[in-house]
PDB file of N, CA and C in Angstrom:
ATOM      1  N   MET A   1       0.804  -1.194   0.000  1.00  0.00           N
ATOM      2  CA  MET A   1       0.000   0.000   0.000  1.00  0.00           C
ATOM      3  C   MET A   1       0.848   1.260   0.000  1.00  0.00           C
ATOM      4  N   THR A   2       2.015   1.166  -0.534  1.00  0.00           N
ATOM      5  CA  THR A   2       2.859   2.348  -0.631  1.00  0.00           C
ATOM      6  C   THR A   2       2.578   3.142  -1.885  1.00  0.00           C
ATOM      7  N   ASP A   3       1.841   2.571  -2.800  1.00  0.00           N
ATOM      8  CA  ASP A   3       1.520   3.265  -4.044  1.00  0.00           C
ATOM      9  C   ASP A   3       0.429   4.307  -3.785  1.00  0.00           C
ATOM     10  N   ASP A   4       0.694   5.556  -4.166  1.00  0.00           N
ATOM     11  CA  ASP A   4      -0.257   6.638  -3.915  1.00  0.00           C
ATOM     12  C   ASP A   4      -1.488   6.574  -4.810  1.00  0.00           C
ATOM     13  N   THR A   5      -1.422   5.894  -5.927  1.00  0.00           N
ATOM     14  CA  THR A   5      -2.551   5.856  -6.850  1.00  0.00           C
ATOM     15  C   THR A   5      -3.489   4.678  -6.595  1.00  0.00           C
ATOM     16  N   ARG A   6      -3.226   3.875  -5.581  1.00  0.00           N
ATOM     17  CA  ARG A   6      -4.086   2.720  -5.310  1.00  0.00           C
ATOM     18  C   ARG A   6      -5.493   3.117  -4.914  1.00  0.00           C
ATOM     19  N   TRP A   7      -5.632   4.212  -4.188  1.00  0.00           N
ATOM     20  CA  TRP A   7      -6.955   4.621  -3.736  1.00  0.00           C
ATOM     21  C   TRP A   7      -7.824   5.020  -4.910  1.00  0.00           C
ATOM     22  N   GLN A   8      -7.222   5.454  -6.010  1.00  0.00           N
ATOM     23  CA  GLN A   8      -7.997   5.853  -7.184  1.00  0.00           C
ATOM     24  C   GLN A   8      -8.686   4.662  -7.840  1.00  0.00           C
ATOM     25  N   LEU A   9      -8.172   3.466  -7.626  1.00  0.00           N
ATOM     26  CA  LEU A   9      -8.798   2.284  -8.204  1.00  0.00           C
ATOM     27  C   LEU A   9     -10.156   1.993  -7.572  1.00  0.00           C
ATOM     28  N   LEU A  10     -10.404   2.558  -6.398  1.00  0.00           N
ATOM     29  CA  LEU A  10     -11.694   2.363  -5.741  1.00  0.00           C
ATOM     30  C   LEU A  10     -12.793   3.219  -6.361  1.00  0.00           C
ATOM     31  N   LEU A  11     -12.407   4.264  -7.072  1.00  0.00           N
ATOM     32  CA  LEU A  11     -13.372   5.160  -7.699  1.00  0.00           C
ATOM     33  C   LEU A  11     -13.841   4.605  -9.041  1.00  0.00           C
ATOM     34  N   PRO A  12     -15.070   4.919  -9.437  1.00  0.00           N
ATOM     35  CA  PRO A  12     -15.515   4.536 -10.784  1.00  0.00           C
ATOM     36  C   PRO A  12     -14.663   5.230 -11.840  1.00  0.00           C
ATOM     37  N   SER A  13     -14.584   4.647 -13.013  1.00  0.00           N
ATOM     38  CA  SER A  13     -13.704   5.182 -14.054  1.00  0.00           C
ATOM     39  C   SER A  13     -14.081   6.606 -14.473  1.00  0.00           C
ATOM     40  N   GLY A  14     -15.347   6.950 -14.424  1.00  0.00           N
ATOM     41  CA  GLY A  14     -15.762   8.305 -14.768  1.00  0.00           C
ATOM     42  C   GLY A  14     -15.223   9.341 -13.792  1.00  0.00           C
ATOM     43  N   LEU A  15     -15.135   8.984 -12.526  1.00  0.00           N
ATOM     44  CA  LEU A  15     -14.602   9.909 -11.526  1.00  0.00           C
ATOM     45  C   LEU A  15     -13.085   9.994 -11.577  1.00  0.00           C
ATOM     46  N   ARG A  16     -12.428   8.948 -12.025  1.00  0.00           N
ATOM     47  CA  ARG A  16     -10.966   8.980 -12.120  1.00  0.00           C
ATOM     48  C   ARG A  16     -10.494  10.004 -13.134  1.00  0.00           C
ATOM     49  N   ASN A  17     -11.281  10.252 -14.161  1.00  0.00           N
ATOM     50  CA  ASN A  17     -10.891  11.173 -15.218  1.00  0.00           C
ATOM     51  C   ASN A  17     -11.400  12.590 -14.995  1.00  0.00           C
ATOM     52  N   LEU A  18     -12.128  12.835 -13.917  1.00  0.00           N
ATOM     53  CA  LEU A  18     -12.677  14.161 -13.629  1.00  0.00           C
ATOM     54  C   LEU A  18     -11.564  15.077 -13.122  1.00  0.00           C
ATOM     55  N   PRO A  19     -11.368  16.231 -13.763  1.00  0.00           N
ATOM     56  CA  PRO A  19     -10.335  17.166 -13.293  1.00  0.00           C
ATOM     57  C   PRO A  19     -10.641  17.668 -11.880  1.00  0.00           C
ATOM     58  N   ALA A  20      -9.596  17.976 -11.138  1.00  0.00           N
ATOM     59  CA  ALA A  20      -9.753  18.383  -9.738  1.00  0.00           C
ATOM     60  C   ALA A  20     -10.521  19.690  -9.605  1.00  0.00           C
ATOM     61  N   ASP A  21     -10.326  20.623 -10.531  1.00  0.00           N
ATOM     62  CA  ASP A  21     -11.027  21.895 -10.411  1.00  0.00           C
ATOM     63  C   ASP A  21     -12.524  21.734 -10.622  1.00  0.00           C
ATOM     64  N   LEU A  22     -12.908  20.891 -11.553  1.00  0.00           N
ATOM     65  CA  LEU A  22     -14.342  20.666 -11.762  1.00  0.00           C
ATOM     66  C   LEU A  22     -14.942  19.824 -10.638  1.00  0.00           C
ATOM     67  N   ALA A  23     -14.140  18.966 -10.025  1.00  0.00           N
ATOM     68  CA  ALA A  23     -14.611  18.227  -8.854  1.00  0.00           C
ATOM     69  C   ALA A  23     -14.884  19.194  -7.702  1.00  0.00           C
ATOM     70  N   ALA A  24     -14.045  20.218  -7.556  1.00  0.00           N
ATOM     71  CA  ALA A  24     -14.271  21.229  -6.525  1.00  0.00           C
ATOM     72  C   ALA A  24     -15.546  22.014  -6.798  1.00  0.00           C
ATOM     73  N   VAL A  25     -15.838  22.277  -8.063  1.00  0.00           N
ATOM     74  CA  VAL A  25     -17.080  22.965  -8.426  1.00  0.00           C
ATOM     75  C   VAL A  25     -18.281  22.100  -8.065  1.00  0.00           C
ATOM     76  N   VAL A  26     -18.197  20.818  -8.311  1.00  0.00           N
ATOM     77  CA  VAL A  26     -19.297  19.907  -7.971  1.00  0.00           C
ATOM     78  C   VAL A  26     -19.506  19.872  -6.455  1.00  0.00           C
ATOM     79  N   VAL A  27     -18.421  19.849  -5.691  1.00  0.00           N
ATOM     80  CA  VAL A  27     -18.535  19.862  -4.230  1.00  0.00           C
ATOM     81  C   VAL A  27     -19.184  21.159  -3.761  1.00  0.00           C
ATOM     82  N   LEU A  28     -18.796  22.295  -4.356  1.00  0.00           N
ATOM     83  CA  LEU A  28     -19.406  23.578  -3.990  1.00  0.00           C
ATOM     84  C   LEU A  28     -20.895  23.601  -4.318  1.00  0.00           C
ATOM     85  N   VAL A  29     -21.274  22.985  -5.425  1.00  0.00           N
ATOM     86  CA  VAL A  29     -22.693  22.911  -5.786  1.00  0.00           C
ATOM     87  C   VAL A  29     -23.470  22.124  -4.731  1.00  0.00           C
ATOM     88  N   PHE A  30     -22.925  20.980  -4.305  1.00  0.00           N
ATOM     89  CA  PHE A  30     -23.635  20.189  -3.297  1.00  0.00           C
ATOM     90  C   PHE A  30     -23.669  20.881  -1.937  1.00  0.00           C
ATOM     91  N   LEU A  31     -22.609  21.608  -1.586  1.00  0.00           N
ATOM     92  CA  LEU A  31     -22.635  22.374  -0.336  1.00  0.00           C
ATOM     93  C   LEU A  31     -23.668  23.492  -0.388  1.00  0.00           C
ATOM     94  N   THR A  32     -23.790  24.118  -1.537  1.00  0.00           N
ATOM     95  CA  THR A  32     -24.788  25.179  -1.693  1.00  0.00           C
ATOM     96  C   THR A  32     -26.205  24.617  -1.611  1.00  0.00           C
ATOM     97  N   ILE A  33     -26.418  23.487  -2.249  1.00  0.00           N
ATOM     98  CA  ILE A  33     -27.739  22.851  -2.169  1.00  0.00           C
ATOM     99  C   ILE A  33     -28.073  22.500  -0.724  1.00  0.00           C
ATOM    100  N   ALA A  34     -27.097  21.967   0.004  1.00  0.00           N
ATOM    101  CA  ALA A  34     -27.324  21.615   1.410  1.00  0.00           C
ATOM    102  C   ALA A  34     -27.604  22.854   2.247  1.00  0.00           C
ATOM    103  N   ALA A  35     -26.886  23.948   1.971  1.00  0.00           N
ATOM    104  CA  ALA A  35     -27.092  25.176   2.747  1.00  0.00           C
ATOM    105  C   ALA A  35     -28.452  25.794   2.476  1.00  0.00           C
ATOM    106  N   VAL A  36     -29.003  25.576   1.313  1.00  0.00           N
ATOM    107  CA  VAL A  36     -30.305  26.151   0.975  1.00  0.00           C
ATOM    108  C   VAL A  36     -31.451  25.261   1.442  1.00  0.00           C
ATOM    109  N   VAL A  37     -31.255  23.959   1.430  1.00  0.00           N
ATOM    110  CA  VAL A  37     -32.352  23.029   1.695  1.00  0.00           C
ATOM    111  C   VAL A  37     -32.469  22.623   3.163  1.00  0.00           C
ATOM    112  N   LEU A  38     -31.344  22.418   3.840  1.00  0.00           N
ATOM    113  CA  LEU A  38     -31.403  21.923   5.218  1.00  0.00           C
ATOM    114  C   LEU A  38     -31.987  22.982   6.157  1.00  0.00           C
ATOM    115  N   PRO A  39     -32.964  22.593   6.972  1.00  0.00           N
ATOM    116  CA  PRO A  39     -33.661  23.566   7.810  1.00  0.00           C
ATOM    117  C   PRO A  39     -32.758  24.264   8.832  1.00  0.00           C
ATOM    118  N   GLY A  40     -31.789  23.598   9.407  1.00  0.00           N
ATOM    119  CA  GLY A  40     -30.940  24.208  10.419  1.00  0.00           C
ATOM    120  C   GLY A  40     -29.968  25.231   9.853  1.00  0.00           C
ATOM    121  N   ILE A  41     -29.597  25.074   8.620  1.00  0.00           N
ATOM    122  CA  ILE A  41     -28.609  25.959   7.997  1.00  0.00           C
ATOM    123  C   ILE A  41     -29.292  27.036   7.159  1.00  0.00           C
ATOM    124  N   ARG A  42     -30.503  26.795   6.775  1.00  0.00           N
ATOM    125  CA  ARG A  42     -31.220  27.684   5.853  1.00  0.00           C
ATOM    126  C   ARG A  42     -31.314  29.119   6.359  1.00  0.00           C
ATOM    127  N   THR A  43     -31.388  29.314   7.651  1.00  0.00           N
ATOM    128  CA  THR A  43     -31.570  30.658   8.198  1.00  0.00           C
ATOM    129  C   THR A  43     -30.269  31.278   8.702  1.00  0.00           C
ATOM    130  N   THR A  44     -29.135  30.630   8.486  1.00  0.00           N
ATOM    131  CA  THR A  44     -27.848  31.142   8.968  1.00  0.00           C
ATOM    132  C   THR A  44     -27.100  31.855   7.845  1.00  0.00           C
ATOM    133  N   PRO A  45     -26.054  32.591   8.183  1.00  0.00           N
ATOM    134  CA  PRO A  45     -25.238  33.244   7.153  1.00  0.00           C
ATOM    135  C   PRO A  45     -24.463  32.272   6.264  1.00  0.00           C
ATOM    136  N   LEU A  46     -24.434  30.997   6.609  1.00  0.00           N
ATOM    137  CA  LEU A  46     -23.766  30.018   5.751  1.00  0.00           C
ATOM    138  C   LEU A  46     -24.427  29.934   4.382  1.00  0.00           C
ATOM    139  N   ARG A  47     -25.709  30.182   4.351  1.00  0.00           N
ATOM    140  CA  ARG A  47     -26.408  30.168   3.065  1.00  0.00           C
ATOM    141  C   ARG A  47     -25.846  31.237   2.138  1.00  0.00           C
ATOM    142  N   VAL A  48     -25.575  32.401   2.665  1.00  0.00           N
ATOM    143  CA  VAL A  48     -24.990  33.485   1.868  1.00  0.00           C
ATOM    144  C   VAL A  48     -23.543  33.169   1.539  1.00  0.00           C
ATOM    145  N   LEU A  49     -22.824  32.586   2.495  1.00  0.00           N
ATOM    146  CA  LEU A  49     -21.412  32.244   2.291  1.00  0.00           C
ATOM    147  C   LEU A  49     -21.229  31.264   1.138  1.00  0.00           C
ATOM    148  N   PHE A  50     -22.108  30.280   1.017  1.00  0.00           N
ATOM    149  CA  PHE A  50     -22.028  29.329  -0.090  1.00  0.00           C
ATOM    150  C   PHE A  50     -22.772  29.835  -1.328  1.00  0.00           C
ATOM    151  N   GLY A  51     -23.786  30.656  -1.133  1.00  0.00           N
ATOM    152  CA  GLY A  51     -24.605  31.101  -2.257  1.00  0.00           C
ATOM    153  C   GLY A  51     -23.934  32.123  -3.147  1.00  0.00           C
ATOM    154  N   LEU A  52     -23.205  33.062  -2.575  1.00  0.00           N
ATOM    155  CA  LEU A  52     -22.560  34.092  -3.391  1.00  0.00           C
ATOM    156  C   LEU A  52     -21.527  33.526  -4.365  1.00  0.00           C
ATOM    157  N   PRO A  53     -20.591  32.677  -3.917  1.00  0.00           N
ATOM    158  CA  PRO A  53     -19.675  32.097  -4.908  1.00  0.00           C
ATOM    159  C   PRO A  53     -20.401  31.244  -5.948  1.00  0.00           C
ATOM    160  N   PHE A  54     -21.482  30.585  -5.503  1.00  0.00           N
ATOM    161  CA  PHE A  54     -22.234  29.761  -6.437  1.00  0.00           C
ATOM    162  C   PHE A  54     -22.867  30.606  -7.532  1.00  0.00           C
ATOM    163  N   VAL A  55     -23.363  31.779  -7.179  1.00  0.00           N
ATOM    164  CA  VAL A  55     -24.021  32.641  -8.159  1.00  0.00           C
ATOM    165  C   VAL A  55     -23.016  33.445  -8.974  1.00  0.00           C
ATOM    166  N   LEU A  56     -21.953  33.933  -8.334  1.00  0.00           N
ATOM    167  CA  LEU A  56     -21.028  34.842  -9.002  1.00  0.00           C
ATOM    168  C   LEU A  56     -19.838  34.157  -9.671  1.00  0.00           C
ATOM    169  N   PHE A  57     -19.325  33.083  -9.105  1.00  0.00           N
ATOM    170  CA  PHE A  57     -18.084  32.490  -9.588  1.00  0.00           C
ATOM    171  C   PHE A  57     -18.281  31.209 -10.404  1.00  0.00           C
ATOM    172  N   VAL A  58     -19.081  30.299  -9.899  1.00  0.00           N
ATOM    173  CA  VAL A  58     -19.197  28.965 -10.493  1.00  0.00           C
ATOM    174  C   VAL A  58     -19.686  28.990 -11.941  1.00  0.00           C
ATOM    175  N   PRO A  59     -20.695  29.766 -12.313  1.00  0.00           N
ATOM    176  CA  PRO A  59     -21.135  29.733 -13.716  1.00  0.00           C
ATOM    177  C   PRO A  59     -20.038  30.170 -14.687  1.00  0.00           C
ATOM    178  N   GLY A  60     -19.327  31.232 -14.361  1.00  0.00           N
ATOM    179  CA  GLY A  60     -18.258  31.698 -15.239  1.00  0.00           C
ATOM    180  C   GLY A  60     -17.102  30.721 -15.301  1.00  0.00           C
ATOM    181  N   TYR A  61     -16.741  30.155 -14.161  1.00  0.00           N
ATOM    182  CA  TYR A  61     -15.632  29.202 -14.138  1.00  0.00           C
ATOM    183  C   TYR A  61     -15.962  27.947 -14.936  1.00  0.00           C
ATOM    184  N   ALA A  62     -17.163  27.427 -14.761  1.00  0.00           N
ATOM    185  CA  ALA A  62     -17.563  26.234 -15.496  1.00  0.00           C
ATOM    186  C   ALA A  62     -17.642  26.523 -16.999  1.00  0.00           C
ATOM    187  N   PHE A  63     -18.087  27.721 -17.369  1.00  0.00           N
ATOM    188  CA  PHE A  63     -18.164  28.096 -18.776  1.00  0.00           C
ATOM    189  C   PHE A  63     -16.771  28.169 -19.396  1.00  0.00           C
ATOM    190  N   ILE A  64     -15.833  28.802 -18.707  1.00  0.00           N
ATOM    191  CA  ILE A  64     -14.467  28.904 -19.213  1.00  0.00           C
ATOM    192  C   ILE A  64     -13.805  27.525 -19.256  1.00  0.00           C
ATOM    193  N   ALA A  65     -14.058  26.688 -18.261  1.00  0.00           N
ATOM    194  CA  ALA A  65     -13.494  25.341 -18.253  1.00  0.00           C
ATOM    195  C   ALA A  65     -14.044  24.507 -19.409  1.00  0.00           C
ATOM    196  N   ALA A  66     -15.276  24.755 -19.796  1.00  0.00           N
ATOM    197  CA  ALA A  66     -15.850  24.029 -20.932  1.00  0.00           C
ATOM    198  C   ALA A  66     -15.304  24.555 -22.257  1.00  0.00           C
ATOM    199  N   LEU A  67     -15.046  25.862 -22.335  1.00  0.00           N
ATOM    200  CA  LEU A  67     -14.515  26.440 -23.566  1.00  0.00           C
ATOM    201  C   LEU A  67     -13.059  26.066 -23.806  1.00  0.00           C
ATOM    202  N   PHE A  68     -12.281  26.016 -22.741  1.00  0.00           N
ATOM    203  CA  PHE A  68     -10.850  25.756 -22.860  1.00  0.00           C
ATOM    204  C   PHE A  68     -10.457  24.553 -22.013  1.00  0.00           C
ATOM    205  N   PRO A  69     -10.764  23.346 -22.467  1.00  0.00           N
ATOM    206  CA  PRO A  69     -10.400  22.160 -21.688  1.00  0.00           C
ATOM    207  C   PRO A  69      -8.894  21.934 -21.736  1.00  0.00           C
ATOM    208  N   GLU A  70      -8.417  21.074 -20.848  1.00  0.00           N
ATOM    209  CA  GLU A  70      -7.005  20.730 -20.829  1.00  0.00           C
ATOM    210  C   GLU A  70      -6.629  20.006 -22.105  1.00  0.00           C
ATOM    211  N   GLN A  71      -5.372  20.133 -22.476  1.00  0.00           N
ATOM    212  CA  GLN A  71      -4.888  19.382 -23.626  1.00  0.00           C
ATOM    213  C   GLN A  71      -4.763  17.924 -23.219  1.00  0.00           C
ATOM    214  N   GLY A  72      -5.391  17.064 -23.956  1.00  0.00           N
ATOM    215  CA  GLY A  72      -5.354  15.648 -23.650  1.00  0.00           C
ATOM    216  C   GLY A  72      -4.951  14.852 -24.868  1.00  0.00           C
ATOM    217  N   HIS A  73      -4.984  13.573 -24.698  1.00  0.00           N
ATOM    218  CA  HIS A  73      -4.659  12.688 -25.818  1.00  0.00           C
ATOM    219  C   HIS A  73      -5.952  12.286 -26.499  1.00  0.00           C
ATOM    220  N   GLY A  74      -6.143  12.782 -27.679  1.00  0.00           N
ATOM    221  CA  GLY A  74      -7.330  12.459 -28.445  1.00  0.00           C
ATOM    222  C   GLY A  74      -6.948  11.935 -29.808  1.00  0.00           C
ATOM    223  N   PRO A  75      -7.902  11.721 -30.673  1.00  0.00           N
ATOM    224  CA  PRO A  75      -7.609  11.202 -32.001  1.00  0.00           C
ATOM    225  C   PRO A  75      -6.698  12.129 -32.805  1.00  0.00           C
ATOM    226  N   SER A  76      -6.792  13.442 -32.586  1.00  0.00           N
ATOM    227  CA  SER A  76      -5.964  14.358 -33.362  1.00  0.00           C
ATOM    228  C   SER A  76      -4.529  14.403 -32.848  1.00  0.00           C
ATOM    229  N   ASP A  77      -4.273  13.878 -31.635  1.00  0.00           N
ATOM    230  CA  ASP A  77      -2.935  13.884 -31.084  1.00  0.00           C
ATOM    231  C   ASP A  77      -2.090  12.689 -31.516  1.00  0.00           C
ATOM    232  N   GLU A  78      -2.726  11.721 -32.172  1.00  0.00           N
ATOM    233  CA  GLU A  78      -1.994  10.535 -32.596  1.00  0.00           C
ATOM    234  C   GLU A  78      -1.032  10.871 -33.719  1.00  0.00           C
ATOM    235  N   GLU A  79       0.041  10.127 -33.766  1.00  0.00           N
ATOM    236  CA  GLU A  79       1.006  10.358 -34.838  1.00  0.00           C
ATOM    237  C   GLU A  79       0.422   9.887 -36.158  1.00  0.00           C
ATOM    238  N   THR A  80       0.612  10.692 -37.185  1.00  0.00           N
ATOM    239  CA  THR A  80       0.132  10.322 -38.497  1.00  0.00           C
ATOM    240  C   THR A  80       1.282   9.716 -39.281  1.00  0.00           C
ATOM    241  N   PRO A  81       1.022   8.691 -40.037  1.00  0.00           N
ATOM    242  CA  PRO A  81       2.100   8.082 -40.817  1.00  0.00           C
ATOM    243  C   PRO A  81       2.556   9.033 -41.916  1.00  0.00           C
ATOM    244  N   ASP A  82       3.814   8.942 -42.261  1.00  0.00           N
ATOM    245  CA  ASP A  82       4.365   9.779 -43.329  1.00  0.00           C
ATOM    246  C   ASP A  82       3.758   9.368 -44.669  1.00  0.00           C
ATOM    247  N   ALA A  83       3.460  10.362 -45.465  1.00  0.00           N
ATOM    248  CA  ALA A  83       2.830  10.113 -46.763  1.00  0.00           C
ATOM    249  C   ALA A  83       3.896   9.947 -47.850  1.00  0.00           C
ATOM    250  N   GLY A  84       5.100   9.683 -47.498  1.00  0.00           N
ATOM    251  CA  GLY A  84       6.157   9.642 -48.485  1.00  0.00           C
ATOM    252  C   GLY A  84       6.632   8.344 -48.793  1.00  0.00           C
TER     253      GLY A  84
END
């Protein structure tokens, strides 16, 4: 168990490929939903603390992340055989 990547094998394959920044956005979304829905937190300032970044930051960040994804290995990155 000295290998640091062993814990990733416990995750489904879809989650293994999820970038860390978008995973943080998903966590913020669930925290915001919890702050709005749960009765004990609904009336506290935590709702505003999670709600403002959700309204002001998350939509723009997710939009930019969708427009400019990381460079990955796709079909266009494969080596093409020489035509000569």
